Amino acid sequence: MRLLKLPNFSKYGRTITIMECYRIKATMNKEVLVRIAYNGSMDKAAAKRALHEELKSGSEDIQNTIDKILGW
């Protein structure tokens, strides 16, 4: 068996790739085995980052509106 490099999905905070491997069968078909694990704390951290970014962009819009009203 040889290792196959798959995209890194762990940066999204939902899964961790434990093992990736594949083999070429006699019929020239490829058999792939991928084992993943779920990490709840990473998912919560990703949700916090997404919420933080959304609130940050919303607050900048509100600040610009207030500046425009006050003429700053």
N, C-alpha and C. Protein backbone atom coordinates (compact mmCIF):
# COMPACT_ATOMS: atom_id res chain seq x y z
N MET A 1 0.83 -1.18 0.00
CA MET A 1 0.00 0.00 0.00
C MET A 1 0.88 1.25 0.00
N ARG A 2 0.42 2.28 -0.70
CA ARG A 2 1.12 3.55 -0.73
C ARG A 2 0.21 4.62 -0.15
N LEU A 3 0.80 5.63 0.45
CA LEU A 3 0.02 6.72 1.03
C LEU A 3 -0.37 7.72 -0.04
N LEU A 4 -1.56 8.22 0.07
CA LEU A 4 -2.10 9.21 -0.86
C LEU A 4 -2.37 10.48 -0.07
N LYS A 5 -1.89 11.61 -0.53
CA LYS A 5 -2.10 12.87 0.16
C LYS A 5 -3.43 13.47 -0.27
N LEU A 6 -4.35 13.59 0.67
CA LEU A 6 -5.66 14.17 0.41
C LEU A 6 -5.70 15.59 0.94
N PRO A 7 -6.69 16.39 0.54
CA PRO A 7 -6.78 17.76 1.05
C PRO A 7 -6.90 17.76 2.57
N ASN A 8 -6.40 18.80 3.19
CA ASN A 8 -6.44 18.92 4.64
C ASN A 8 -7.76 19.54 5.07
N PHE A 9 -8.68 18.70 5.53
CA PHE A 9 -9.99 19.18 5.95
C PHE A 9 -9.98 19.64 7.40
N SER A 10 -8.90 19.36 8.14
CA SER A 10 -8.88 19.71 9.55
C SER A 10 -8.86 21.22 9.78
N LYS A 11 -8.47 22.01 8.78
CA LYS A 11 -8.46 23.46 8.98
C LYS A 11 -9.86 24.03 9.15
N TYR A 12 -10.88 23.27 8.76
CA TYR A 12 -12.26 23.71 8.93
C TYR A 12 -12.78 23.37 10.31
N GLY A 13 -12.01 22.64 11.10
CA GLY A 13 -12.37 22.38 12.47
C GLY A 13 -13.37 21.26 12.67
N ARG A 14 -13.67 20.49 11.67
CA ARG A 14 -14.68 19.47 11.84
C ARG A 14 -14.11 18.06 11.91
N THR A 15 -13.13 17.75 11.12
CA THR A 15 -12.58 16.40 11.11
C THR A 15 -11.06 16.41 11.17
N ILE A 16 -10.53 15.31 11.65
CA ILE A 16 -9.09 15.10 11.66
C ILE A 16 -8.84 13.82 10.89
N THR A 17 -7.97 13.88 9.91
CA THR A 17 -7.65 12.68 9.13
C THR A 17 -6.67 11.84 9.94
N ILE A 18 -7.05 10.60 10.22
CA ILE A 18 -6.22 9.69 11.00
C ILE A 18 -5.31 8.88 10.08
N MET A 19 -5.88 8.32 9.02
CA MET A 19 -5.10 7.46 8.13
C MET A 19 -5.63 7.60 6.71
N GLU A 20 -4.74 7.63 5.75
CA GLU A 20 -5.09 7.68 4.33
C GLU A 20 -4.22 6.66 3.59
N CYS A 21 -4.81 5.76 2.85
CA CYS A 21 -4.02 4.84 2.05
C CYS A 21 -4.86 4.33 0.87
N TYR A 22 -4.18 3.84 -0.15
CA TYR A 22 -4.88 3.27 -1.28
C TYR A 22 -4.04 2.16 -1.88
N ARG A 23 -4.68 1.34 -2.68
CA ARG A 23 -3.95 0.30 -3.41
C ARG A 23 -4.59 0.11 -4.77
N ILE A 24 -3.79 -0.31 -5.71
CA ILE A 24 -4.27 -0.57 -7.07
C ILE A 24 -4.55 -2.07 -7.18
N LYS A 25 -5.78 -2.38 -7.51
CA LYS A 25 -6.20 -3.78 -7.63
C LYS A 25 -5.73 -4.36 -8.96
N ALA A 26 -5.90 -5.67 -9.13
CA ALA A 26 -5.48 -6.36 -10.36
C ALA A 26 -6.27 -5.86 -11.57
N THR A 27 -7.48 -5.35 -11.34
CA THR A 27 -8.31 -4.83 -12.43
C THR A 27 -8.01 -3.36 -12.73
N MET A 28 -6.92 -2.84 -12.13
CA MET A 28 -6.47 -1.45 -12.29
C MET A 28 -7.43 -0.45 -11.63
N ASN A 29 -8.32 -0.92 -10.80
CA ASN A 29 -9.15 -0.03 -9.99
C ASN A 29 -8.38 0.37 -8.74
N LYS A 30 -8.68 1.54 -8.21
CA LYS A 30 -8.00 2.00 -7.01
C LYS A 30 -8.95 1.85 -5.82
N GLU A 31 -8.43 1.28 -4.76
CA GLU A 31 -9.18 1.13 -3.53
C GLU A 31 -8.62 2.13 -2.53
N VAL A 32 -9.50 2.93 -1.95
CA VAL A 32 -9.07 4.00 -1.06
C VAL A 32 -9.65 3.76 0.33
N LEU A 33 -8.82 3.97 1.34
CA LEU A 33 -9.25 3.86 2.73
C LEU A 33 -8.87 5.15 3.45
N VAL A 34 -9.86 5.83 4.00
CA VAL A 34 -9.63 7.06 4.74
C VAL A 34 -10.35 6.93 6.08
N ARG A 35 -9.62 7.16 7.15
CA ARG A 35 -10.22 7.15 8.49
C ARG A 35 -10.13 8.55 9.04
N ILE A 36 -11.27 9.06 9.51
CA ILE A 36 -11.30 10.40 10.06
C ILE A 36 -11.89 10.36 11.47
N ALA A 37 -11.61 11.38 12.24
CA ALA A 37 -12.16 11.53 13.58
C ALA A 37 -12.77 12.92 13.70
N TYR A 38 -13.74 13.04 14.57
CA TYR A 38 -14.42 14.30 14.80
C TYR A 38 -13.94 14.89 16.12
N ASN A 39 -13.66 16.18 16.13
CA ASN A 39 -13.21 16.84 17.34
C ASN A 39 -14.16 17.99 17.65
N GLY A 40 -14.95 17.83 18.68
CA GLY A 40 -15.96 18.83 19.04
C GLY A 40 -15.37 20.15 19.47
N SER A 41 -14.24 20.12 20.19
CA SER A 41 -13.65 21.37 20.65
C SER A 41 -13.11 22.19 19.46
N MET A 42 -12.57 21.50 18.44
CA MET A 42 -12.12 22.22 17.25
C MET A 42 -13.30 22.83 16.51
N ASP A 43 -14.43 22.13 16.52
CA ASP A 43 -15.63 22.64 15.87
C ASP A 43 -16.14 23.88 16.58
N LYS A 44 -16.12 23.86 17.90
CA LYS A 44 -16.54 25.03 18.66
C LYS A 44 -15.62 26.22 18.40
N ALA A 45 -14.32 25.95 18.33
CA ALA A 45 -13.36 27.03 18.07
C ALA A 45 -13.58 27.62 16.68
N ALA A 46 -13.87 26.77 15.69
CA ALA A 46 -14.13 27.26 14.34
C ALA A 46 -15.41 28.09 14.31
N ALA A 47 -16.42 27.67 15.06
CA ALA A 47 -17.67 28.43 15.12
C ALA A 47 -17.43 29.79 15.79
N LYS A 48 -16.61 29.82 16.83
CA LYS A 48 -16.29 31.09 17.49
C LYS A 48 -15.57 32.04 16.55
N ARG A 49 -14.60 31.49 15.78
CA ARG A 49 -13.88 32.34 14.81
C ARG A 49 -14.82 32.90 13.76
N ALA A 50 -15.73 32.07 13.26
CA ALA A 50 -16.68 32.53 12.23
C ALA A 50 -17.60 33.60 12.80
N LEU A 51 -18.09 33.40 14.02
CA LEU A 51 -18.96 34.38 14.66
C LEU A 51 -18.22 35.69 14.92
N HIS A 52 -16.97 35.58 15.35
CA HIS A 52 -16.15 36.77 15.60
C HIS A 52 -15.97 37.59 14.31
N GLU A 53 -15.66 36.91 13.21
CA GLU A 53 -15.49 37.61 11.93
C GLU A 53 -16.79 38.27 11.48
N GLU A 54 -17.92 37.59 11.68
CA GLU A 54 -19.21 38.15 11.26
C GLU A 54 -19.55 39.38 12.10
N LEU A 55 -19.34 39.30 13.41
CA LEU A 55 -19.62 40.44 14.27
C LEU A 55 -18.67 41.60 13.97
N LYS A 56 -17.43 41.29 13.66
CA LYS A 56 -16.45 42.34 13.35
C LYS A 56 -16.86 43.11 12.10
N SER A 57 -17.27 42.39 11.04
CA SER A 57 -17.68 43.07 9.81
C SER A 57 -18.97 43.86 10.02
N GLY A 58 -19.88 43.33 10.83
CA GLY A 58 -21.12 44.04 11.13
C GLY A 58 -20.87 45.31 11.91
N SER A 59 -19.95 45.27 12.86
CA SER A 59 -19.66 46.45 13.67
C SER A 59 -18.99 47.54 12.83
N GLU A 60 -18.17 47.14 11.86
CA GLU A 60 -17.54 48.12 10.98
C GLU A 60 -18.60 48.83 10.13
N ASP A 61 -19.60 48.11 9.66
CA ASP A 61 -20.69 48.72 8.89
C ASP A 61 -21.46 49.73 9.74
N ILE A 62 -21.75 49.35 10.98
CA ILE A 62 -22.47 50.25 11.88
C ILE A 62 -21.63 51.49 12.17
N GLN A 63 -20.33 51.30 12.41
CA GLN A 63 -19.45 52.44 12.68
C GLN A 63 -19.41 53.39 11.49
N ASN A 64 -19.36 52.88 10.28
CA ASN A 64 -19.35 53.73 9.09
C ASN A 64 -20.66 54.50 8.96
N THR A 65 -21.77 53.87 9.28
CA THR A 65 -23.08 54.55 9.21
C THR A 65 -23.14 55.67 10.23
N ILE A 66 -22.67 55.41 11.44
CA ILE A 66 -22.67 56.44 12.49
C ILE A 66 -21.76 57.60 12.10
N ASP A 67 -20.58 57.29 11.55
CA ASP A 67 -19.66 58.34 11.11
C ASP A 67 -20.30 59.21 10.03
N LYS A 68 -21.03 58.58 9.12
CA LYS A 68 -21.67 59.32 8.04
C LYS A 68 -22.77 60.24 8.60
N ILE A 69 -23.55 59.74 9.57
CA ILE A 69 -24.62 60.54 10.17
C ILE A 69 -24.04 61.73 10.94
N LEU A 70 -22.98 61.49 11.69
CA LEU A 70 -22.38 62.56 12.49
C LEU A 70 -21.45 63.47 11.68
N GLY A 71 -21.14 63.07 10.45
CA GLY A 71 -20.30 63.88 9.60
C GLY A 71 -18.83 63.82 9.95
N TRP A 72 -18.36 62.68 10.50
CA TRP A 72 -16.95 62.55 10.86
C TRP A 72 -16.21 62.01 9.73
